[in-house]
């Protein structure tokens, strides 16, 4: 889950998975003027985007804000 403007939610822009570690990089949406609210957005990624081997944790990166967090990967 990420947090940000509900009208311009963050989007996954890059995936890097070597089978041992998964890094998902996000960027902010460029939909123009964004609302000043603060809303949660959940993300679901297919195996085609992430890769066949998915570790139990992933590093989530927001390069434009110089922010990185480690999160637990939840599987259906």
Protein backbone atom coordinates (compact mmCIF):
# COMPACT_ATOMS: atom_id res chain seq x y z
CA UNK A 1 0.00 0.00 0.00
CA UNK A 2 1.22 3.48 -0.80
CA UNK A 3 -0.07 6.88 0.32
CA UNK A 4 -0.57 10.05 -1.67
CA UNK A 5 -3.08 12.15 -3.55
CA UNK A 6 -6.16 10.13 -4.50
CA UNK A 7 -6.34 11.84 -7.90
CA UNK A 8 -2.63 11.22 -8.68
CA UNK A 9 -1.72 7.91 -7.01
CA UNK A 10 1.87 6.59 -7.17
CA UNK A 11 2.51 4.03 -9.93
CA UNK A 12 5.09 1.25 -10.14
CA UNK A 13 7.60 2.37 -12.75
CA UNK A 14 10.26 -0.36 -12.53
CA UNK A 15 10.79 -3.87 -11.16
CA UNK A 16 14.11 -5.54 -10.41
CA UNK A 17 13.98 -9.18 -9.28
CA UNK A 18 17.06 -11.40 -9.20
CA UNK A 19 15.21 -14.26 -7.46
CA UNK A 20 16.57 -13.30 -4.03
CA UNK A 21 15.50 -9.69 -3.75
CA UNK A 22 12.69 -7.70 -5.32
CA UNK A 23 12.86 -3.93 -5.76
CA UNK A 24 9.79 -2.02 -6.93
CA UNK A 25 10.34 1.62 -7.85
CA UNK A 26 7.40 4.02 -7.78
CA UNK A 27 6.92 7.42 -9.33
CA UNK A 28 4.23 10.00 -8.79
CA UNK A 29 1.51 10.36 -11.37
CA UNK A 30 1.62 13.30 -13.75
CA UNK A 31 -2.14 13.68 -14.16
CA UNK A 32 -1.82 17.45 -13.87
CA UNK A 33 -3.32 19.13 -10.82
CA UNK A 34 -3.63 16.71 -7.91
CA UNK A 35 -5.97 16.90 -4.94
CA UNK A 36 -4.38 17.77 -1.60
CA UNK A 37 -5.83 14.76 0.19
CA UNK A 38 -3.84 11.83 1.57
CA UNK A 39 -5.28 8.46 0.56
CA UNK A 40 -4.12 4.86 0.53
CA UNK A 41 -3.64 2.97 -2.73
CA UNK A 42 -3.16 -0.80 -2.89
CA UNK A 43 -1.14 -2.46 -5.64
CA UNK A 44 -1.39 -5.92 -7.21
CA UNK A 45 1.29 -7.04 -9.66
CA UNK A 46 1.18 -9.99 -12.03
CA UNK A 47 3.93 -12.62 -12.29
CA UNK A 48 4.75 -11.23 -15.76
CA UNK A 49 5.79 -7.92 -14.17
CA UNK A 50 7.39 -9.20 -10.97
CA UNK A 51 8.94 -12.50 -12.06
CA UNK A 52 8.34 -16.15 -11.23
CA UNK A 53 10.34 -16.25 -7.99
CA UNK A 54 9.06 -13.76 -5.44
CA UNK A 55 10.81 -13.31 -2.08
CA UNK A 56 8.88 -12.80 1.17
CA UNK A 57 10.01 -9.15 1.36
CA UNK A 58 10.37 -6.41 -1.20
CA UNK A 59 12.15 -3.09 -1.21
CA UNK A 60 9.86 -0.26 -2.25
CA UNK A 61 11.66 2.77 -3.61
CA UNK A 62 10.52 6.33 -4.29
CA UNK A 63 13.65 7.73 -6.01
CA UNK A 64 12.26 11.24 -6.47
CA UNK A 65 11.82 11.52 -2.69
CA UNK A 66 15.01 9.60 -1.83
CA UNK A 67 12.89 7.14 0.21
CA UNK A 68 13.20 3.36 0.48
CA UNK A 69 11.19 0.96 2.66
CA UNK A 70 11.19 -2.83 3.09
CA UNK A 71 7.72 -4.42 3.07
CA UNK A 72 6.27 -7.90 3.39
CA UNK A 73 4.99 -9.48 0.17
CA UNK A 74 1.43 -10.80 0.50
CA UNK A 75 0.35 -13.59 -1.79
CA UNK A 76 -3.27 -14.49 -2.58
